[in-house]
Amino acid sequence: MLIKNAEVFMENRFVDTDIRIEEKKIVKIEQSIVAYEKEEVVDAKGKKLIPALVEIHSHGCVGEDFATSDEAGLKKMLRFYASKGILHVLATTVTEDLELTQKALQTIKTRMDNQTEEEELALIAGIHMEGPFLSHKKRGAHDEQYLLELSKELMDQWRKDAPSCIRMLSVDPDLDKSGEFIKTYAKDMVISLAHTECTYETAKKAIENGADHVTHLFNAMNGLNHREPGIVGAVSDFPVFAELICDGVHIHPAVIRLIYKVAGDRIVLISDSMSATGMENGIYQLGGLDVYVKDGKAILKDGTIAGSSVDLYEMMRRAISFGIPAEQAVLSATYLPAKSIGLEENIGSIAEGKTADILLIGADWNLEAVYKSGKKIEGES
């Protein structure tokens, strides 16, 4: 297949060029490529071509949840992600009963073992465990009864339950013996600071011990104060990746613009979506807690914000509408999340030799077509 005349996002900017795809790969990127005889040609004049999105923090969608769904439920979610241009996702669990957590890890591992490029589904790139090692006071929508102190025994058991699957772990660095714990597990997984009241100094120590990521910056942590900058100050000072929920509910657009000026090359857009995403207003569950969803806002009974009901593609669009340059917003939804979990060589960008996981974008950032391994899986025929 040959895609001609597109504005292709590569090397951090849009370039007017053509792209040829053969056997699932991008084999040639060049201006004015001449079509082969009988080659399928897509004229993308006036349209953009960007990498498929990479979602590293999503709990679920379409009535399903990574913490509780079976194989059929996972496929339902992965089909929805793919329809929104999200072709790689970290299956994100929430603090739950230990038996349910173990079952979820094994179910996700089974899906990872059996997934293929041929399916019209997003691929699970690993597991993001958000909890149970989090603060009680900053627990957000995590059920307090299941929160735990750091446990090497539990962590090692979970890694046996899902070998080579856990790619990210969110932890509160204020928990006892966090320094040793972070040092141990930062060697082969991403340790993200999350749900915490920790100070700037504690965050700094955690980063020195190997933490290199922050879970949903500004949410479930102390805010920026001129005498106590907290995690936000640490993100400004140290080269860590920081997740951002850009739905306009979790963070004011002015703050989104501000943090992009400070750390734009390390901001990772996430949805933090829950089962209500892609569904109507109503009552849903997250980690066993009732979540009330109305007009794009998801809250617990006490008013605590509980994840989002917006998918990552819409988060990217909203970031652009808030004044974030399109190039930065695309990077934050593609290459930077891939880099933050060590997969940037394989996913998150467009280049010769890479798998053709790409999105065709029309006017006003409307998603027109999704190509997985060069095959159109979403969009008009």
Protein backbone atom coordinates (compact mmCIF):
# COMPACT_ATOMS: atom_id res chain seq x y z
CA MET A 1 0.00 0.00 0.00
CA LEU A 2 1.11 3.53 -0.76
CA ILE A 3 -0.12 6.53 1.24
CA LYS A 4 0.55 9.74 -0.68
CA ASN A 5 0.56 13.45 0.11
CA ALA A 6 0.08 13.09 3.87
CA GLU A 7 1.41 15.36 6.60
CA VAL A 8 3.42 12.66 8.37
CA PHE A 9 4.45 13.06 12.01
CA MET A 10 8.07 11.98 12.26
CA GLU A 11 11.11 13.23 14.13
CA ASN A 12 8.87 15.48 16.25
CA ARG A 13 7.33 17.42 13.36
CA PHE A 14 4.91 17.11 10.46
CA VAL A 15 6.49 16.47 7.06
CA ASP A 16 4.74 16.37 3.66
CA THR A 17 5.75 12.99 2.30
CA ASP A 18 4.63 9.57 1.00
CA ILE A 19 4.80 6.24 2.82
CA ARG A 20 4.95 2.73 1.39
CA ILE A 21 3.86 -0.26 3.47
CA GLU A 22 4.77 -3.86 2.67
CA GLU A 23 4.27 -6.98 4.78
CA LYS A 24 3.18 -5.06 7.90
CA LYS A 25 6.20 -2.71 7.82
CA ILE A 26 6.92 0.82 6.68
CA VAL A 27 9.50 0.19 3.98
CA LYS A 28 9.91 3.60 2.38
CA ILE A 29 9.33 7.23 3.39
CA GLU A 30 10.04 9.65 0.59
CA GLN A 31 8.44 12.42 -1.41
CA SER A 32 6.80 11.53 -4.73
CA ILE A 33 6.99 7.73 -4.53
CA VAL A 34 5.75 6.17 -7.78
CA ALA A 35 3.06 3.53 -7.28
CA TYR A 36 3.62 -0.06 -8.39
CA GLU A 37 1.21 -1.57 -10.86
CA LYS A 38 -1.98 -2.63 -9.00
CA GLU A 39 -0.66 -1.19 -5.72
CA GLU A 40 -3.33 0.16 -3.38
CA VAL A 41 -2.93 3.94 -3.22
CA VAL A 42 -4.46 6.19 -0.53
CA ASP A 43 -4.48 9.90 -1.34
CA ALA A 44 -4.13 11.63 2.04
CA LYS A 45 -3.81 15.19 0.78
CA GLY A 46 -4.85 17.61 3.51
CA LYS A 47 -4.73 14.88 6.15
CA LYS A 48 -2.28 13.93 8.88
CA LEU A 49 -0.62 10.59 9.56
CA ILE A 50 0.53 9.93 13.12
CA PRO A 51 1.73 6.86 15.05
CA ALA A 52 -0.90 4.78 16.83
CA LEU A 53 -1.38 5.93 20.42
CA VAL A 54 0.26 4.27 23.43
CA GLU A 55 -1.82 4.18 26.63
CA ILE A 56 0.08 3.38 29.83
CA HIS A 57 -2.65 4.05 32.39
CA SER A 58 -6.18 2.80 31.72
CA HIS A 59 -8.29 0.68 34.05
CA GLY A 60 -10.98 -0.13 31.55
CA CYS A 61 -13.77 0.94 29.20
CA VAL A 62 -17.10 -0.21 27.67
CA GLY A 63 -18.32 -1.62 30.97
CA GLU A 64 -15.20 -3.74 31.55
CA ASP A 65 -12.24 -3.49 33.93
CA PHE A 66 -8.75 -5.01 33.81
CA ALA A 67 -9.05 -5.89 37.51
CA THR A 68 -12.18 -8.00 37.16
CA SER A 69 -12.89 -8.88 33.51
CA ASP A 70 -12.47 -12.31 31.94
CA GLU A 71 -10.87 -13.05 28.55
CA ALA A 72 -13.99 -12.01 26.65
CA GLY A 73 -14.11 -8.76 28.61
CA LEU A 74 -10.48 -8.01 27.84
CA LYS A 75 -11.10 -8.53 24.12
CA LYS A 76 -14.09 -6.18 24.29
CA MET A 77 -11.87 -3.50 25.82
CA LEU A 78 -9.02 -4.05 23.38
CA ARG A 79 -11.41 -3.75 20.44
CA PHE A 80 -12.61 -0.38 21.80
CA TYR A 81 -9.04 0.90 22.30
CA ALA A 82 -8.18 -0.05 18.73
CA SER A 83 -11.24 1.79 17.42
CA LYS A 84 -9.89 4.94 19.11
CA GLY A 85 -6.42 4.60 17.58
CA ILE A 86 -4.86 3.12 20.73
CA LEU A 87 -2.95 0.02 19.62
CA HIS A 88 -0.75 -0.55 22.68
CA VAL A 89 -1.92 -0.38 26.29
CA LEU A 90 -0.68 -1.16 29.76
CA ALA A 91 -3.46 -3.10 31.48
CA THR A 92 -3.84 -1.11 34.68
CA THR A 93 -5.08 -2.80 37.83
CA VAL A 94 -6.52 -1.06 40.89
CA THR A 95 -6.23 -1.86 44.60
CA GLU A 96 -8.36 -4.94 45.19
CA ASP A 97 -8.76 -8.07 47.27
CA LEU A 98 -5.55 -10.13 46.94
CA GLU A 99 -7.36 -13.08 45.41
CA LEU A 100 -8.91 -10.85 42.75
CA THR A 101 -5.55 -9.23 42.07
CA GLN A 102 -3.90 -12.60 41.52
CA LYS A 103 -6.73 -13.69 39.21
CA ALA A 104 -6.50 -10.45 37.22
CA LEU A 105 -2.75 -10.85 36.70
CA GLN A 106 -3.19 -14.40 35.45
CA THR A 107 -6.05 -13.42 33.11
CA ILE A 108 -4.03 -10.56 31.62
CA LYS A 109 -0.98 -12.81 31.23
CA THR A 110 -3.07 -15.37 29.34
CA ARG A 111 -4.29 -12.66 26.95
CA MET A 112 -0.72 -11.43 26.44
CA ASP A 113 0.45 -14.97 25.69
CA ASN A 114 -2.27 -15.45 23.07
CA GLN A 115 -2.52 -12.01 21.40
CA THR A 116 -1.46 -11.62 17.77
CA GLU A 117 -0.90 -8.81 15.31
CA GLU A 118 -3.61 -10.27 13.07
CA GLU A 119 -6.43 -9.61 15.54
CA GLU A 120 -8.24 -6.30 15.17
CA LEU A 121 -7.51 -5.55 18.81
CA ALA A 122 -5.06 -3.40 20.72
CA LEU A 123 -2.05 -5.24 22.12
CA ILE A 124 -1.34 -5.37 25.85
CA ALA A 125 2.23 -4.14 26.30
CA GLY A 126 2.35 -5.13 29.96
CA ILE A 127 0.70 -4.54 33.30
CA HIS A 128 0.64 -1.32 35.32
CA MET A 129 -0.15 -2.13 38.95
CA GLU A 130 -1.62 0.98 40.56
CA GLY A 131 -1.82 -0.20 44.15
CA PRO A 132 -2.04 -1.61 46.73
CA PHE A 133 1.08 0.18 48.04
CA LEU A 134 -0.49 3.63 48.31
CA SER A 135 -1.27 6.30 50.91
CA HIS A 136 -4.47 6.04 52.92
CA LYS A 137 -4.95 9.81 52.99
CA LYS A 138 -4.36 10.22 49.24
CA ARG A 139 -6.01 6.98 48.21
CA GLY A 140 -8.49 8.60 45.81
CA ALA A 141 -10.74 5.86 44.41
CA HIS A 142 -8.72 3.00 45.91
CA ASP A 143 -10.58 0.97 48.56
CA GLU A 144 -8.90 1.70 51.89
CA GLN A 145 -9.44 -1.79 53.30
CA TYR A 146 -7.13 -3.31 50.65
CA LEU A 147 -4.23 -0.84 50.89
CA LEU A 148 -1.02 -2.48 52.15
CA GLU A 149 2.47 -1.71 53.34
CA LEU A 150 5.28 -2.52 50.92
CA SER A 151 5.82 -6.27 50.67
CA LYS A 152 8.64 -7.93 48.78
CA GLU A 153 6.98 -11.30 49.38
CA LEU A 154 3.77 -10.19 47.65
CA MET A 155 5.61 -8.47 44.83
CA ASP A 156 7.68 -11.54 44.12
CA GLN A 157 4.56 -13.73 44.17
CA TRP A 158 2.80 -11.46 41.66
CA ARG A 159 5.81 -11.59 39.38
CA LYS A 160 5.62 -15.39 39.51
CA ASP A 161 1.90 -15.24 38.72
CA ALA A 162 2.58 -13.06 35.67
CA PRO A 163 6.23 -13.51 34.71
CA SER A 164 7.70 -10.70 32.58
CA CYS A 165 4.31 -8.95 32.46
CA ILE A 166 4.45 -6.31 35.20
CA ARG A 167 6.06 -3.31 33.52
CA MET A 168 5.08 -0.53 35.94
CA LEU A 169 4.30 -0.29 39.64
CA SER A 170 2.85 2.81 41.31
CA VAL A 171 3.92 3.27 44.94
CA ASP A 172 3.81 5.84 47.75
CA PRO A 173 7.44 6.69 48.61
CA ASP A 174 6.38 7.62 52.15
CA LEU A 175 5.77 3.97 52.98
CA ASP A 176 8.23 2.27 55.33
CA LYS A 177 11.39 0.87 53.69
CA SER A 178 10.48 2.38 50.32
CA GLY A 179 14.12 3.16 49.51
CA GLU A 180 15.20 -0.48 49.53
CA PHE A 181 11.99 -1.57 47.79
CA ILE A 182 12.38 0.96 44.96
CA LYS A 183 16.05 0.07 44.49
CA THR A 184 15.17 -3.61 44.18
CA TYR A 185 12.37 -3.36 41.63
CA ALA A 186 13.52 -0.33 39.63
CA LYS A 187 16.16 -2.59 38.08
CA ASP A 188 13.67 -4.22 35.73
CA MET A 189 10.36 -2.32 35.94
CA VAL A 190 9.17 1.28 36.03
CA ILE A 191 8.58 2.58 39.54
CA SER A 192 6.11 5.45 39.57
CA LEU A 193 5.45 7.79 42.51
CA ALA A 194 1.74 7.93 43.28
CA HIS A 195 -1.06 8.57 45.78
CA THR A 196 1.20 10.20 48.33
CA GLU A 197 1.69 13.15 50.67
CA CYS A 198 5.46 12.96 50.21
CA THR A 199 7.68 16.01 50.32
CA TYR A 200 10.08 17.24 47.67
CA GLU A 201 12.97 15.69 49.64
CA THR A 202 11.27 12.28 49.81
CA ALA A 203 10.47 12.39 46.10
CA LYS A 204 14.10 13.30 45.38
CA LYS A 205 15.36 10.31 47.38
CA ALA A 206 12.93 7.99 45.60
CA ILE A 207 14.16 9.26 42.23
CA GLU A 208 17.77 8.76 43.32
CA ASN A 209 16.81 5.18 44.26
CA GLY A 210 15.47 4.51 40.77
CA ALA A 211 11.92 5.86 40.48
CA ASP A 212 11.61 7.61 37.12
CA HIS A 213 7.90 8.21 36.68
CA VAL A 214 5.01 10.03 38.38
CA THR A 215 1.43 8.76 38.24
CA HIS A 216 -1.24 11.33 37.20
CA LEU A 217 0.69 14.44 38.23
CA PHE A 218 -1.24 16.88 40.48
CA ASN A 219 -3.88 14.27 41.34
CA ALA A 220 -3.76 12.28 44.61
CA MET A 221 -0.74 14.23 45.89
CA ASN A 222 0.05 17.53 47.60
CA GLY A 223 -0.14 20.57 45.36
CA LEU A 224 2.71 22.92 44.51
CA ASN A 225 3.52 25.30 47.36
CA HIS A 226 6.21 27.97 47.25
CA ARG A 227 7.81 26.58 50.44
CA GLU A 228 7.01 22.92 49.88
CA PRO A 229 7.15 22.10 46.16
CA GLY A 230 6.43 18.38 46.63
CA ILE A 231 6.39 16.00 43.68
CA VAL A 232 5.52 18.80 41.26
CA GLY A 233 8.77 20.54 42.18
CA ALA A 234 10.66 17.26 41.76
CA VAL A 235 9.24 16.84 38.26
CA SER A 236 10.58 20.30 37.45
CA ASP A 237 14.06 19.49 38.77
CA PHE A 238 14.64 15.86 37.76
CA PRO A 239 14.36 13.97 34.42
CA VAL A 240 11.32 11.86 35.31
CA PHE A 241 8.26 11.19 33.17
CA ALA A 242 4.98 12.59 34.45
CA GLU A 243 1.50 11.43 33.52
CA LEU A 244 -1.17 14.03 32.83
CA ILE A 245 -4.95 13.63 32.58
CA CYS A 246 -6.11 16.27 30.10
CA ASP A 247 -9.87 15.94 30.27
CA GLY A 248 -10.34 19.44 31.70
CA VAL A 249 -11.83 17.91 34.87
CA HIS A 250 -8.75 16.64 36.71
CA ILE A 251 -6.53 19.64 35.92
CA HIS A 252 -7.33 23.20 34.86
CA PRO A 253 -6.14 23.99 31.31
CA ALA A 254 -3.94 26.82 32.63
CA VAL A 255 -2.05 24.33 34.80
CA ILE A 256 -1.73 21.96 31.84
CA ARG A 257 -0.16 24.76 29.79
CA LEU A 258 2.14 25.64 32.71
CA ILE A 259 3.52 22.13 33.25
CA TYR A 260 4.11 21.71 29.52
CA LYS A 261 6.33 24.79 29.64
CA VAL A 262 8.29 23.25 32.51
CA ALA A 263 8.57 19.62 31.39
CA GLY A 264 6.96 19.25 27.97
CA ASP A 265 9.53 16.72 26.77
CA ARG A 266 8.56 14.36 29.62
CA ILE A 267 4.79 14.72 29.81
CA VAL A 268 2.86 11.53 29.07
CA LEU A 269 -0.83 11.83 28.32
CA ILE A 270 -3.00 9.17 29.94
CA SER A 271 -6.72 8.62 30.19
CA ASP A 272 -6.91 6.91 33.62
CA SER A 273 -10.15 5.67 32.08
CA MET A 274 -12.52 3.38 33.92
CA SER A 275 -15.31 1.06 32.82
CA ALA A 276 -17.68 3.99 32.12
CA THR A 277 -15.58 5.10 29.13
CA GLY A 278 -17.56 4.58 25.94
CA MET A 279 -20.77 4.18 27.96
CA GLU A 280 -23.73 6.36 28.97
CA ASN A 281 -24.16 8.26 32.24
CA GLY A 282 -24.77 5.94 35.17
CA ILE A 283 -23.29 4.14 38.16
CA TYR A 284 -20.20 2.00 37.53
CA GLN A 285 -17.57 0.32 39.69
CA LEU A 286 -13.84 0.78 40.15
CA GLY A 287 -12.04 -1.47 42.59
CA GLY A 288 -15.34 -2.44 44.17
CA LEU A 289 -16.38 1.18 44.77
CA ASP A 290 -19.43 2.78 43.19
CA VAL A 291 -18.56 5.56 40.74
CA TYR A 292 -21.17 8.05 39.60
CA VAL A 293 -20.64 9.21 36.02
CA LYS A 294 -22.40 12.21 34.53
CA ASP A 295 -21.45 14.38 31.58
CA GLY A 296 -17.84 13.23 31.46
CA LYS A 297 -17.13 13.46 35.20
CA ALA A 298 -16.63 10.34 37.35
CA ILE A 299 -16.86 10.71 41.13
CA LEU A 300 -17.30 8.63 44.27
CA LYS A 301 -20.29 9.25 46.55
CA ASP A 302 -18.23 11.73 48.60
CA GLY A 303 -17.29 13.74 45.50
CA THR A 304 -13.76 12.33 45.06
CA ILE A 305 -12.78 12.21 41.37
CA ALA A 306 -12.48 8.56 40.33
CA GLY A 307 -10.57 8.16 37.10
CA SER A 308 -12.03 9.41 33.84
CA SER A 309 -14.65 8.45 31.28
CA VAL A 310 -12.63 9.81 28.35
CA ASP A 311 -10.34 7.80 26.04
CA LEU A 312 -6.74 8.74 25.26
CA TYR A 313 -7.43 9.97 21.73
CA GLU A 314 -9.93 12.48 23.10
CA MET A 315 -7.39 13.47 25.79
CA MET A 316 -4.92 14.33 23.02
CA ARG A 317 -7.54 16.37 21.15
CA ARG A 318 -8.43 18.27 24.31
CA ALA A 319 -4.79 19.01 25.06
CA ILE A 320 -4.53 20.61 21.61
CA SER A 321 -7.75 22.57 22.24
CA PHE A 322 -6.26 23.84 25.52
CA GLY A 323 -3.37 25.40 23.60
CA ILE A 324 -0.74 22.67 23.69
CA PRO A 325 1.08 22.62 20.31
CA ALA A 326 -0.14 19.68 18.22
CA GLU A 327 3.40 18.30 17.88
CA GLN A 328 3.80 18.17 21.67
CA ALA A 329 0.38 16.62 22.23
CA VAL A 330 1.05 13.88 19.65
CA LEU A 331 4.45 13.14 21.18
CA SER A 332 2.82 12.87 24.61
CA ALA A 333 0.36 10.27 23.34
CA THR A 334 2.76 8.21 21.22
CA TYR A 335 6.55 8.30 21.50
CA LEU A 336 6.89 9.60 25.08
CA PRO A 337 4.65 6.97 26.71
CA ALA A 338 6.48 4.30 24.71
CA LYS A 339 9.82 5.71 25.88
CA SER A 340 8.64 5.93 29.48
CA ILE A 341 8.17 2.15 29.56
CA GLY A 342 11.23 1.29 27.46
CA LEU A 343 9.44 0.37 24.22
CA GLU A 344 10.31 3.34 22.02
CA GLU A 345 12.39 1.20 19.65
CA ASN A 346 9.31 -0.80 18.72
CA ILE A 347 6.26 1.45 19.02
CA GLY A 348 5.21 5.08 19.21
CA SER A 349 6.82 6.55 16.09
CA ILE A 350 6.86 6.43 12.30
CA ALA A 351 10.10 5.40 10.60
CA GLU A 352 11.34 3.04 7.91
CA GLY A 353 11.50 -0.51 9.21
CA LYS A 354 8.87 -0.01 11.90
CA THR A 355 5.54 -1.82 12.08
CA ALA A 356 2.85 0.18 10.27
CA ASP A 357 0.67 1.03 13.26
CA ILE A 358 -0.60 4.40 12.09
CA LEU A 359 -3.62 6.71 12.21
CA LEU A 360 -5.09 8.82 9.43
CA ILE A 361 -6.42 12.11 10.78
CA GLY A 362 -8.81 14.46 9.02
CA ALA A 363 -9.99 18.00 9.70
CA ASP A 364 -10.41 19.08 13.34
CA TRP A 365 -8.40 16.03 14.44
CA ASN A 366 -11.16 13.62 13.51
CA LEU A 367 -9.88 10.05 13.44
CA GLU A 368 -10.59 8.70 9.93
CA ALA A 369 -8.72 5.38 9.80
CA VAL A 370 -6.69 3.07 12.01
CA TYR A 371 -4.05 0.80 10.46
CA LYS A 372 -2.66 -2.06 12.54
CA SER A 373 0.38 -3.72 10.97
CA GLY A 374 -0.57 -2.01 7.72
CA LYS A 375 -4.13 -3.38 7.70
CA LYS A 376 -7.07 -1.01 8.04
CA ILE A 377 -9.09 -2.10 11.08
CA GLU A 378 -11.18 1.03 11.56
CA GLY A 379 -12.53 3.60 9.13
CA GLU A 380 -14.42 3.68 5.88
CA SER A 381 -13.45 1.04 3.31
